Amino acid sequence: MPNTNDNNKPKQLNKWDICINILTIVGLLVAIFLANSAHQANLKNSEKINQLLVKYEKTLNSAIAGDPSTLKNYRKNLKQAVAGLSPQEKKILESVLVLSTAQ
């Protein structure tokens, strides 16, 4: 008959279990640090791309406004694009325009 007292004793941690637990915690901390570093780098890259897009948009707007023929074609194309929108899409576009002009 097996000794039932052995089953009731708390299990003792040996030094390998402690080392594995410490390595697991260190691994998690390293993974969190690397994920945060990658996230910060992505934020910086996104900001750079946004700045380039704003610069490109300003350059394009000035080029369109500077050439009367291009401006006429641009306005015509814009009117055609807006005419093809559904009423719901027009409301969304108007909301976006209001938000962008408020900034």
PDB file of N, CA and C in Angstrom:
ATOM      1  N   MET A   1       0.843  -1.160   0.000  1.00  0.00           N
ATOM      2  CA  MET A   1       0.000   0.000   0.000  1.00  0.00           C
ATOM      3  C   MET A   1       0.898   1.236   0.000  1.00  0.00           C
ATOM      4  N   PRO A   2       0.635   2.190  -0.947  1.00  0.00           N
ATOM      5  CA  PRO A   2       1.489   3.370  -1.022  1.00  0.00           C
ATOM      6  C   PRO A   2       1.257   4.297   0.160  1.00  0.00           C
ATOM      7  N   ASN A   3       2.288   5.001   0.482  1.00  0.00           N
ATOM      8  CA  ASN A   3       2.233   5.933   1.592  1.00  0.00           C
ATOM      9  C   ASN A   3       1.449   7.177   1.165  1.00  0.00           C
ATOM     10  N   THR A   4       0.350   7.462   1.825  1.00  0.00           N
ATOM     11  CA  THR A   4      -0.484   8.604   1.468  1.00  0.00           C
ATOM     12  C   THR A   4       0.092   9.905   1.987  1.00  0.00           C
ATOM     13  N   ASN A   5       1.037   9.845   2.884  1.00  0.00           N
ATOM     14  CA  ASN A   5       1.660  11.059   3.412  1.00  0.00           C
ATOM     15  C   ASN A   5       2.502  11.737   2.340  1.00  0.00           C
ATOM     16  N   ASP A   6       3.047  10.987   1.380  1.00  0.00           N
ATOM     17  CA  ASP A   6       3.858  11.562   0.313  1.00  0.00           C
ATOM     18  C   ASP A   6       3.009  12.433  -0.610  1.00  0.00           C
ATOM     19  N   ASN A   7       1.756  12.061  -0.799  1.00  0.00           N
ATOM     20  CA  ASN A   7       0.877  12.835  -1.679  1.00  0.00           C
ATOM     21  C   ASN A   7       0.446  14.150  -1.046  1.00  0.00           C
ATOM     22  N   ASN A   8       0.425  14.228   0.250  1.00  0.00           N
ATOM     23  CA  ASN A   8      -0.023  15.428   0.941  1.00  0.00           C
ATOM     24  C   ASN A   8       1.097  16.445   1.155  1.00  0.00           C
ATOM     25  N   LYS A   9       2.325  16.059   0.961  1.00  0.00           N
ATOM     26  CA  LYS A   9       3.439  16.984   1.157  1.00  0.00           C
ATOM     27  C   LYS A   9       3.480  17.988   0.010  1.00  0.00           C
ATOM     28  N   PRO A  10       3.765  19.252   0.312  1.00  0.00           N
ATOM     29  CA  PRO A  10       3.897  20.234  -0.765  1.00  0.00           C
ATOM     30  C   PRO A  10       5.133  19.928  -1.607  1.00  0.00           C
ATOM     31  N   LYS A  11       4.990  20.163  -2.889  1.00  0.00           N
ATOM     32  CA  LYS A  11       6.090  19.877  -3.797  1.00  0.00           C
ATOM     33  C   LYS A  11       7.161  20.954  -3.645  1.00  0.00           C
ATOM     34  N   GLN A  12       8.386  20.530  -3.509  1.00  0.00           N
ATOM     35  CA  GLN A  12       9.485  21.470  -3.347  1.00  0.00           C
ATOM     36  C   GLN A  12      10.024  21.847  -4.722  1.00  0.00           C
ATOM     37  N   LEU A  13      10.350  23.119  -4.891  1.00  0.00           N
ATOM     38  CA  LEU A  13      10.939  23.587  -6.140  1.00  0.00           C
ATOM     39  C   LEU A  13      12.438  23.332  -6.095  1.00  0.00           C
ATOM     40  N   ASN A  14      12.943  22.768  -7.157  1.00  0.00           N
ATOM     41  CA  ASN A  14      14.381  22.628  -7.208  1.00  0.00           C
ATOM     42  C   ASN A  14      14.959  23.805  -7.971  1.00  0.00           C
ATOM     43  N   LYS A  15      16.271  23.903  -8.035  1.00  0.00           N
ATOM     44  CA  LYS A  15      16.895  25.081  -8.637  1.00  0.00           C
ATOM     45  C   LYS A  15      16.635  25.155 -10.145  1.00  0.00           C
ATOM     46  N   TRP A  16      16.369  24.041 -10.805  1.00  0.00           N
ATOM     47  CA  TRP A  16      16.075  24.068 -12.247  1.00  0.00           C
ATOM     48  C   TRP A  16      14.710  24.690 -12.511  1.00  0.00           C
ATOM     49  N   ASP A  17      13.756  24.387 -11.665  1.00  0.00           N
ATOM     50  CA  ASP A  17      12.427  24.993 -11.809  1.00  0.00           C
ATOM     51  C   ASP A  17      12.511  26.508 -11.627  1.00  0.00           C
ATOM     52  N   ILE A  18      13.289  26.945 -10.653  1.00  0.00           N
ATOM     53  CA  ILE A  18      13.440  28.380 -10.400  1.00  0.00           C
ATOM     54  C   ILE A  18      14.134  29.046 -11.583  1.00  0.00           C
ATOM     55  N   CYS A  19      15.183  28.418 -12.117  1.00  0.00           N
ATOM     56  CA  CYS A  19      15.893  28.982 -13.269  1.00  0.00           C
ATOM     57  C   CYS A  19      14.968  29.083 -14.486  1.00  0.00           C
ATOM     58  N   ILE A  20      14.163  28.067 -14.701  1.00  0.00           N
ATOM     59  CA  ILE A  20      13.239  28.080 -15.844  1.00  0.00           C
ATOM     60  C   ILE A  20      12.209  29.195 -15.670  1.00  0.00           C
ATOM     61  N   ASN A  21      11.703  29.374 -14.460  1.00  0.00           N
ATOM     62  CA  ASN A  21      10.740  30.452 -14.202  1.00  0.00           C
ATOM     63  C   ASN A  21      11.374  31.824 -14.415  1.00  0.00           C
ATOM     64  N   ILE A  22      12.597  32.003 -13.958  1.00  0.00           N
ATOM     65  CA  ILE A  22      13.295  33.274 -14.146  1.00  0.00           C
ATOM     66  C   ILE A  22      13.548  33.524 -15.630  1.00  0.00           C
ATOM     67  N   LEU A  23      13.984  32.500 -16.341  1.00  0.00           N
ATOM     68  CA  LEU A  23      14.222  32.660 -17.782  1.00  0.00           C
ATOM     69  C   LEU A  23      12.931  32.978 -18.533  1.00  0.00           C
ATOM     70  N   THR A  24      11.840  32.411 -18.102  1.00  0.00           N
ATOM     71  CA  THR A  24      10.549  32.709 -18.728  1.00  0.00           C
ATOM     72  C   THR A  24      10.174  34.174 -18.526  1.00  0.00           C
ATOM     73  N   ILE A  25      10.347  34.662 -17.326  1.00  0.00           N
ATOM     74  CA  ILE A  25      10.041  36.059 -17.025  1.00  0.00           C
ATOM     75  C   ILE A  25      10.956  36.985 -17.817  1.00  0.00           C
ATOM     76  N   VAL A  26      12.241  36.675 -17.867  1.00  0.00           N
ATOM     77  CA  VAL A  26      13.194  37.490 -18.630  1.00  0.00           C
ATOM     78  C   VAL A  26      12.835  37.469 -20.112  1.00  0.00           C
ATOM     79  N   GLY A  27      12.462  36.321 -20.615  1.00  0.00           N
ATOM     80  CA  GLY A  27      12.053  36.216 -22.018  1.00  0.00           C
ATOM     81  C   GLY A  27      10.834  37.066 -22.320  1.00  0.00           C
ATOM     82  N   LEU A  28       9.863  37.057 -21.433  1.00  0.00           N
ATOM     83  CA  LEU A  28       8.677  37.893 -21.611  1.00  0.00           C
ATOM     84  C   LEU A  28       9.034  39.377 -21.592  1.00  0.00           C
ATOM     85  N   LEU A  29       9.911  39.774 -20.685  1.00  0.00           N
ATOM     86  CA  LEU A  29      10.324  41.175 -20.614  1.00  0.00           C
ATOM     87  C   LEU A  29      11.055  41.600 -21.887  1.00  0.00           C
ATOM     88  N   VAL A  30      11.913  40.732 -22.394  1.00  0.00           N
ATOM     89  CA  VAL A  30      12.625  41.036 -23.639  1.00  0.00           C
ATOM     90  C   VAL A  30      11.642  41.148 -24.795  1.00  0.00           C
ATOM     91  N   ALA A  31      10.671  40.260 -24.855  1.00  0.00           N
ATOM     92  CA  ALA A  31       9.670  40.307 -25.928  1.00  0.00           C
ATOM     93  C   ALA A  31       8.849  41.593 -25.852  1.00  0.00           C
ATOM     94  N   ILE A  32       8.475  42.007 -24.660  1.00  0.00           N
ATOM     95  CA  ILE A  32       7.730  43.259 -24.485  1.00  0.00           C
ATOM     96  C   ILE A  32       8.582  44.452 -24.905  1.00  0.00           C
ATOM     97  N   PHE A  33       9.844  44.448 -24.526  1.00  0.00           N
ATOM     98  CA  PHE A  33      10.747  45.537 -24.905  1.00  0.00           C
ATOM     99  C   PHE A  33      10.901  45.619 -26.420  1.00  0.00           C
ATOM    100  N   LEU A  34      11.101  44.478 -27.067  1.00  0.00           N
ATOM    101  CA  LEU A  34      11.262  44.470 -28.525  1.00  0.00           C
ATOM    102  C   LEU A  34       9.983  44.909 -29.235  1.00  0.00           C
ATOM    103  N   ALA A  35       8.835  44.488 -28.728  1.00  0.00           N
ATOM    104  CA  ALA A  35       7.567  44.903 -29.331  1.00  0.00           C
ATOM    105  C   ALA A  35       7.372  46.412 -29.189  1.00  0.00           C
ATOM    106  N   ASN A  36       7.713  46.952 -28.031  1.00  0.00           N
ATOM    107  CA  ASN A  36       7.590  48.388 -27.810  1.00  0.00           C
ATOM    108  C   ASN A  36       8.554  49.158 -28.709  1.00  0.00           C
ATOM    109  N   SER A  37       9.766  48.669 -28.859  1.00  0.00           N
ATOM    110  CA  SER A  37      10.738  49.328 -29.736  1.00  0.00           C
ATOM    111  C   SER A  37      10.255  49.339 -31.183  1.00  0.00           C
ATOM    112  N   ALA A  38       9.722  48.234 -31.640  1.00  0.00           N
ATOM    113  CA  ALA A  38       9.198  48.161 -33.005  1.00  0.00           C
ATOM    114  C   ALA A  38       8.003  49.102 -33.172  1.00  0.00           C
ATOM    115  N   HIS A  39       7.162  49.178 -32.156  1.00  0.00           N
ATOM    116  CA  HIS A  39       6.004  50.069 -32.211  1.00  0.00           C
ATOM    117  C   HIS A  39       6.450  51.527 -32.312  1.00  0.00           C
ATOM    118  N   GLN A  40       7.436  51.912 -31.521  1.00  0.00           N
ATOM    119  CA  GLN A  40       7.938  53.289 -31.561  1.00  0.00           C
ATOM    120  C   GLN A  40       8.546  53.607 -32.925  1.00  0.00           C
ATOM    121  N   ALA A  41       9.272  52.663 -33.499  1.00  0.00           N
ATOM    122  CA  ALA A  41       9.859  52.865 -34.826  1.00  0.00           C
ATOM    123  C   ALA A  41       8.762  53.022 -35.879  1.00  0.00           C
ATOM    124  N   ASN A  42       7.701  52.230 -35.761  1.00  0.00           N
ATOM    125  CA  ASN A  42       6.581  52.356 -36.695  1.00  0.00           C
ATOM    126  C   ASN A  42       5.892  53.703 -36.573  1.00  0.00           C
ATOM    127  N   LEU A  43       5.761  54.205 -35.354  1.00  0.00           N
ATOM    128  CA  LEU A  43       5.151  55.522 -35.158  1.00  0.00           C
ATOM    129  C   LEU A  43       5.993  56.613 -35.817  1.00  0.00           C
ATOM    130  N   LYS A  44       7.313  56.532 -35.670  1.00  0.00           N
ATOM    131  CA  LYS A  44       8.201  57.527 -36.294  1.00  0.00           C
ATOM    132  C   LYS A  44       8.099  57.450 -37.812  1.00  0.00           C
ATOM    133  N   ASN A  45       8.085  56.244 -38.356  1.00  0.00           N
ATOM    134  CA  ASN A  45       7.976  56.088 -39.804  1.00  0.00           C
ATOM    135  C   ASN A  45       6.626  56.595 -40.314  1.00  0.00           C
ATOM    136  N   SER A  46       5.569  56.336 -39.578  1.00  0.00           N
ATOM    137  CA  SER A  46       4.249  56.818 -39.968  1.00  0.00           C
ATOM    138  C   SER A  46       4.209  58.341 -39.984  1.00  0.00           C
ATOM    139  N   GLU A  47       4.836  58.957 -39.019  1.00  0.00           N
ATOM    140  CA  GLU A  47       4.876  60.425 -38.968  1.00  0.00           C
ATOM    141  C   GLU A  47       5.663  60.982 -40.151  1.00  0.00           C
ATOM    142  N   LYS A  48       6.773  60.352 -40.498  1.00  0.00           N
ATOM    143  CA  LYS A  48       7.551  60.794 -41.660  1.00  0.00           C
ATOM    144  C   LYS A  48       6.747  60.667 -42.947  1.00  0.00           C
ATOM    145  N   ILE A  49       6.056  59.557 -43.098  1.00  0.00           N
ATOM    146  CA  ILE A  49       5.233  59.350 -44.302  1.00  0.00           C
ATOM    147  C   ILE A  49       4.108  60.375 -44.349  1.00  0.00           C
ATOM    148  N   ASN A  50       3.501  60.661 -43.207  1.00  0.00           N
ATOM    149  CA  ASN A  50       2.439  61.657 -43.155  1.00  0.00           C
ATOM    150  C   ASN A  50       2.959  63.029 -43.567  1.00  0.00           C
ATOM    151  N   GLN A  51       4.142  63.394 -43.099  1.00  0.00           N
ATOM    152  CA  GLN A  51       4.733  64.676 -43.472  1.00  0.00           C
ATOM    153  C   GLN A  51       5.019  64.731 -44.969  1.00  0.00           C
ATOM    154  N   LEU A  52       5.499  63.638 -45.543  1.00  0.00           N
ATOM    155  CA  LEU A  52       5.743  63.595 -46.981  1.00  0.00           C
ATOM    156  C   LEU A  52       4.447  63.740 -47.772  1.00  0.00           C
ATOM    157  N   LEU A  53       3.388  63.086 -47.305  1.00  0.00           N
ATOM    158  CA  LEU A  53       2.103  63.183 -47.987  1.00  0.00           C
ATOM    159  C   LEU A  53       1.538  64.601 -47.927  1.00  0.00           C
ATOM    160  N   VAL A  54       1.690  65.259 -46.797  1.00  0.00           N
ATOM    161  CA  VAL A  54       1.220  66.642 -46.660  1.00  0.00           C
ATOM    162  C   VAL A  54       2.006  67.542 -47.607  1.00  0.00           C
ATOM    163  N   LYS A  55       3.310  67.340 -47.662  1.00  0.00           N
ATOM    164  CA  LYS A  55       4.149  68.134 -48.564  1.00  0.00           C
ATOM    165  C   LYS A  55       3.748  67.881 -50.020  1.00  0.00           C
ATOM    166  N   TYR A  56       3.532  66.619 -50.371  1.00  0.00           N
ATOM    167  CA  TYR A  56       3.131  66.277 -51.728  1.00  0.00           C
ATOM    168  C   TYR A  56       1.775  66.895 -52.062  1.00  0.00           C
ATOM    169  N   GLU A  57       0.847  66.845 -51.114  1.00  0.00           N
ATOM    170  CA  GLU A  57      -0.483  67.412 -51.330  1.00  0.00           C
ATOM    171  C   GLU A  57      -0.402  68.917 -51.568  1.00  0.00           C
ATOM    172  N   LYS A  58       0.411  69.608 -50.776  1.00  0.00           N
ATOM    173  CA  LYS A  58       0.568  71.058 -50.950  1.00  0.00           C
ATOM    174  C   LYS A  58       1.192  71.377 -52.304  1.00  0.00           C
ATOM    175  N   THR A  59       2.197  70.610 -52.699  1.00  0.00           N
ATOM    176  CA  THR A  59       2.841  70.822 -53.997  1.00  0.00           C
ATOM    177  C   THR A  59       1.847  70.580 -55.127  1.00  0.00           C
ATOM    178  N   LEU A  60       1.086  69.523 -55.018  1.00  0.00           N
ATOM    179  CA  LEU A  60       0.096  69.198 -56.041  1.00  0.00           C
ATOM    180  C   LEU A  60      -0.987  70.276 -56.119  1.00  0.00           C
ATOM    181  N   ASN A  61      -1.458  70.729 -54.961  1.00  0.00           N
ATOM    182  CA  ASN A  61      -2.478  71.779 -54.951  1.00  0.00           C
ATOM    183  C   ASN A  61      -1.972  73.063 -55.596  1.00  0.00           C
ATOM    184  N   SER A  62      -0.743  73.441 -55.288  1.00  0.00           N
ATOM    185  CA  SER A  62      -0.203  74.663 -55.895  1.00  0.00           C
ATOM    186  C   SER A  62       0.012  74.483 -57.393  1.00  0.00           C
ATOM    187  N   ALA A  63       0.400  73.293 -57.819  1.00  0.00           N
ATOM    188  CA  ALA A  63       0.584  73.047 -59.255  1.00  0.00           C
ATOM    189  C   ALA A  63      -0.753  73.095 -59.985  1.00  0.00           C
ATOM    190  N   ILE A  64      -1.784  72.525 -59.392  1.00  0.00           N
ATOM    191  CA  ILE A  64      -3.112  72.549 -60.013  1.00  0.00           C
ATOM    192  C   ILE A  64      -3.650  73.979 -60.057  1.00  0.00           C
ATOM    193  N   ALA A  65      -3.489  74.697 -58.957  1.00  0.00           N
ATOM    194  CA  ALA A  65      -4.007  76.070 -58.899  1.00  0.00           C
ATOM    195  C   ALA A  65      -3.233  76.994 -59.842  1.00  0.00           C
ATOM    196  N   GLY A  66      -1.978  76.678 -60.128  1.00  0.00           N
ATOM    197  CA  GLY A  66      -1.151  77.532 -60.975  1.00  0.00           C
ATOM    198  C   GLY A  66      -1.420  77.377 -62.459  1.00  0.00           C
ATOM    199  N   ASP A  67      -2.053  76.297 -62.865  1.00  0.00           N
ATOM    200  CA  ASP A  67      -2.312  76.054 -64.287  1.00  0.00           C
ATOM    201  C   ASP A  67      -3.821  76.080 -64.512  1.00  0.00           C
ATOM    202  N   PRO A  68      -4.329  77.110 -65.211  1.00  0.00           N
ATOM    203  CA  PRO A  68      -5.787  77.226 -65.391  1.00  0.00           C
ATOM    204  C   PRO A  68      -6.411  76.030 -66.107  1.00  0.00           C
ATOM    205  N   SER A  69      -5.732  75.450 -67.074  1.00  0.00           N
ATOM    206  CA  SER A  69      -6.274  74.302 -67.808  1.00  0.00           C
ATOM    207  C   SER A  69      -6.397  73.085 -66.888  1.00  0.00           C
ATOM    208  N   THR A  70      -5.364  72.839 -66.102  1.00  0.00           N
ATOM    209  CA  THR A  70      -5.390  71.718 -65.167  1.00  0.00           C
ATOM    210  C   THR A  70      -6.449  71.939 -64.091  1.00  0.00           C
ATOM    211  N   LEU A  71      -6.562  73.178 -63.621  1.00  0.00           N
ATOM    212  CA  LEU A  71      -7.566  73.494 -62.609  1.00  0.00           C
ATOM    213  C   LEU A  71      -8.971  73.256 -63.150  1.00  0.00           C
ATOM    214  N   LYS A  72      -9.225  73.631 -64.409  1.00  0.00           N
ATOM    215  CA  LYS A  72     -10.532  73.412 -65.027  1.00  0.00           C
ATOM    216  C   LYS A  72     -10.841  71.919 -65.121  1.00  0.00           C
ATOM    217  N   ASN A  73      -9.859  71.119 -65.569  1.00  0.00           N
ATOM    218  CA  ASN A  73     -10.047  69.663 -65.662  1.00  0.00           C
ATOM    219  C   ASN A  73     -10.241  69.038 -64.281  1.00  0.00           C
ATOM    220  N   TYR A  74      -9.499  69.526 -63.317  1.00  0.00           N
ATOM    221  CA  TYR A  74      -9.605  69.016 -61.956  1.00  0.00           C
ATOM    222  C   TYR A  74     -11.014  69.252 -61.407  1.00  0.00           C
ATOM    223  N   ARG A  75     -11.512  70.465 -61.584  1.00  0.00           N
ATOM    224  CA  ARG A  75     -12.857  70.784 -61.095  1.00  0.00           C
ATOM    225  C   ARG A  75     -13.916  69.949 -61.809  1.00  0.00           C
ATOM    226  N   LYS A  76     -13.738  69.768 -63.117  1.00  0.00           N
ATOM    227  CA  LYS A  76     -14.688  68.954 -63.877  1.00  0.00           C
ATOM    228  C   LYS A  76     -14.687  67.511 -63.383  1.00  0.00           C
ATOM    229  N   ASN A  77     -13.502  66.952 -63.195  1.00  0.00           N
ATOM    230  CA  ASN A  77     -13.392  65.572 -62.696  1.00  0.00           C
ATOM    231  C   ASN A  77     -13.952  65.441 -61.286  1.00  0.00           C
ATOM    232  N   LEU A  78     -13.718  66.464 -60.463  1.00  0.00           N
ATOM    233  CA  LEU A  78     -14.230  66.433 -59.094  1.00  0.00           C
ATOM    234  C   LEU A  78     -15.759  66.459 -59.089  1.00  0.00           C
ATOM    235  N   LYS A  79     -16.354  67.292 -59.948  1.00  0.00           N
ATOM    236  CA  LYS A  79     -17.813  67.345 -60.030  1.00  0.00           C
ATOM    237  C   LYS A  79     -18.379  66.009 -60.498  1.00  0.00           C
ATOM    238  N   GLN A  80     -17.714  65.371 -61.458  1.00  0.00           N
ATOM    239  CA  GLN A  80     -18.174  64.064 -61.937  1.00  0.00           C
ATOM    240  C   GLN A  80     -18.075  63.009 -60.840  1.00  0.00           C
ATOM    241  N   ALA A  81     -16.995  63.064 -60.086  1.00  0.00           N
ATOM    242  CA  ALA A  81     -16.818  62.081 -59.007  1.00  0.00           C
ATOM    243  C   ALA A  81     -17.879  62.264 -57.929  1.00  0.00           C
ATOM    244  N   VAL A  82     -18.163  63.515 -57.571  1.00  0.00           N
ATOM    245  CA  VAL A  82     -19.170  63.783 -56.542  1.00  0.00           C
ATOM    246  C   VAL A  82     -20.558  63.414 -57.049  1.00  0.00           C
ATOM    247  N   ALA A  83     -20.819  63.636 -58.338  1.00  0.00           N
ATOM    248  CA  ALA A  83     -22.133  63.296 -58.900  1.00  0.00           C
ATOM    249  C   ALA A  83     -22.376  61.790 -58.868  1.00  0.00           C
ATOM    250  N   GLY A  84     -21.324  60.999 -58.895  1.00  0.00           N
ATOM    251  CA  GLY A  84     -21.460  59.543 -58.888  1.00  0.00           C
ATOM    252  C   GLY A  84     -21.616  58.942 -57.500  1.00  0.00           C
ATOM    253  N   LEU A  85     -21.562  59.778 -56.473  1.00  0.00           N
ATOM    254  CA  LEU A  85     -21.668  59.271 -55.101  1.00  0.00           C
ATOM    255  C   LEU A  85     -23.125  59.086 -54.706  1.00  0.00           C
ATOM    256  N   SER A  86     -23.342  58.144 -53.825  1.00  0.00           N
ATOM    257  CA  SER A  86     -24.675  57.949 -53.257  1.00  0.00           C
ATOM    258  C   SER A  86     -24.925  59.049 -52.220  1.00  0.00           C
ATOM    259  N   PRO A  87     -26.184  59.275 -51.834  1.00  0.00           N
ATOM    260  CA  PRO A  87     -26.469  60.305 -50.817  1.00  0.00           C
ATOM    261  C   PRO A  87     -25.725  60.063 -49.501  1.00  0.00           C
ATOM    262  N   GLN A  88     -25.606  58.811 -49.116  1.00  0.00           N
ATOM    263  CA  GLN A  88     -24.890  58.499 -47.875  1.00  0.00           C
ATOM    264  C   GLN A  88     -23.404  58.829 -48.019  1.00  0.00           C
ATOM    265  N   GLU A  89     -22.811  58.509 -49.161  1.00  0.00           N
ATOM    266  CA  GLU A  89     -21.404  58.818 -49.393  1.00  0.00           C
ATOM    267  C   GLU A  89     -21.171  60.327 -49.424  1.00  0.00           C
ATOM    268  N   LYS A  90     -22.148  61.080 -49.979  1.00  0.00           N
ATOM    269  CA  LYS A  90     -22.027  62.541 -49.993  1.00  0.00           C
ATOM    270  C   LYS A  90     -22.038  63.100 -48.576  1.00  0.00           C
ATOM    271  N   LYS A  91     -22.896  62.543 -47.705  1.00  0.00           N
ATOM    272  CA  LYS A  91     -22.938  62.996 -46.310  1.00  0.00           C
ATOM    273  C   LYS A  91     -21.614  62.718 -45.607  1.00  0.00           C
ATOM    274  N   ILE A  92     -21.053  61.546 -45.872  1.00  0.00           N
ATOM    275  CA  ILE A  92     -19.766  61.197 -45.261  1.00  0.00           C
ATOM    276  C   ILE A  92     -18.684  62.146 -45.754  1.00  0.00           C
ATOM    277  N   LEU A  93     -18.661  62.424 -47.066  1.00  0.00           N
ATOM    278  CA  LEU A  93     -17.671  63.333 -47.637  1.00  0.00           C
ATOM    279  C   LEU A  93     -17.814  64.730 -47.051  1.00  0.00           C
ATOM    280  N   GLU A  94     -19.046  65.206 -46.918  1.00  0.00           N
ATOM    281  CA  GLU A  94     -19.274  66.521 -46.314  1.00  0.00           C
ATOM    282  C   GLU A  94     -18.783  66.554 -44.873  1.00  0.00           C
ATOM    283  N   SER A  95     -19.004  65.488 -44.120  1.00  0.00           N
ATOM    284  CA  SER A  95     -18.533  65.419 -42.731  1.00  0.00           C
ATOM    285  C   SER A  95     -17.009  65.466 -42.670  1.00  0.00           C
ATOM    286  N   VAL A  96     -16.369  64.753 -43.584  1.00  0.00           N
ATOM    287  CA  VAL A  96     -14.901  64.756 -43.623  1.00  0.00           C
ATOM    288  C   VAL A  96     -14.384  66.142 -43.969  1.00  0.00           C
ATOM    289  N   LEU A  97     -15.039  66.799 -44.928  1.00  0.00           N
ATOM    290  CA  LEU A  97     -14.618  68.153 -45.292  1.00  0.00           C
ATOM    291  C   LEU A  97     -14.778  69.129 -44.143  1.00  0.00           C
ATOM    292  N   VAL A  98     -15.873  69.002 -43.397  1.00  0.00           N
ATOM    293  CA  VAL A  98     -16.081  69.867 -42.245  1.00  0.00           C
ATOM    294  C   VAL A  98     -14.989  69.634 -41.201  1.00  0.00           C
ATOM    295  N   LEU A  99     -14.663  68.363 -40.959  1.00  0.00           N
ATOM    296  CA  LEU A  99     -13.618  68.049 -39.983  1.00  0.00           C
ATOM    297  C   LEU A  99     -12.250  68.553 -40.443  1.00  0.00           C
ATOM    298  N   SER A 100     -11.953  68.412 -41.721  1.00  0.00           N
ATOM    299  CA  SER A 100     -10.627  68.810 -42.207  1.00  0.00           C
ATOM    300  C   SER A 100     -10.479  70.326 -42.233  1.00  0.00           C
ATOM    301  N   THR A 101     -11.560  71.057 -42.476  1.00  0.00           N
ATOM    302  CA  THR A 101     -11.470  72.518 -42.472  1.00  0.00           C
ATOM    303  C   THR A 101     -11.473  73.056 -41.056  1.00  0.00           C
ATOM    304  N   ALA A 102     -11.986  72.302 -40.095  1.00  0.00           N
ATOM    305  CA  ALA A 102     -11.997  72.742 -38.694  1.00  0.00           C
ATOM    306  C   ALA A 102     -10.594  72.699 -38.099  1.00  0.00           C
ATOM    307  N   GLN A 103      -9.732  71.891 -38.647  1.00  0.00           N
ATOM    308  CA  GLN A 103      -8.371  71.786 -38.110  1.00  0.00           C
ATOM    309  C   GLN A 103      -7.630  72.980 -38.556  1.00  0.00           C
TER     310      GLN A 103
END
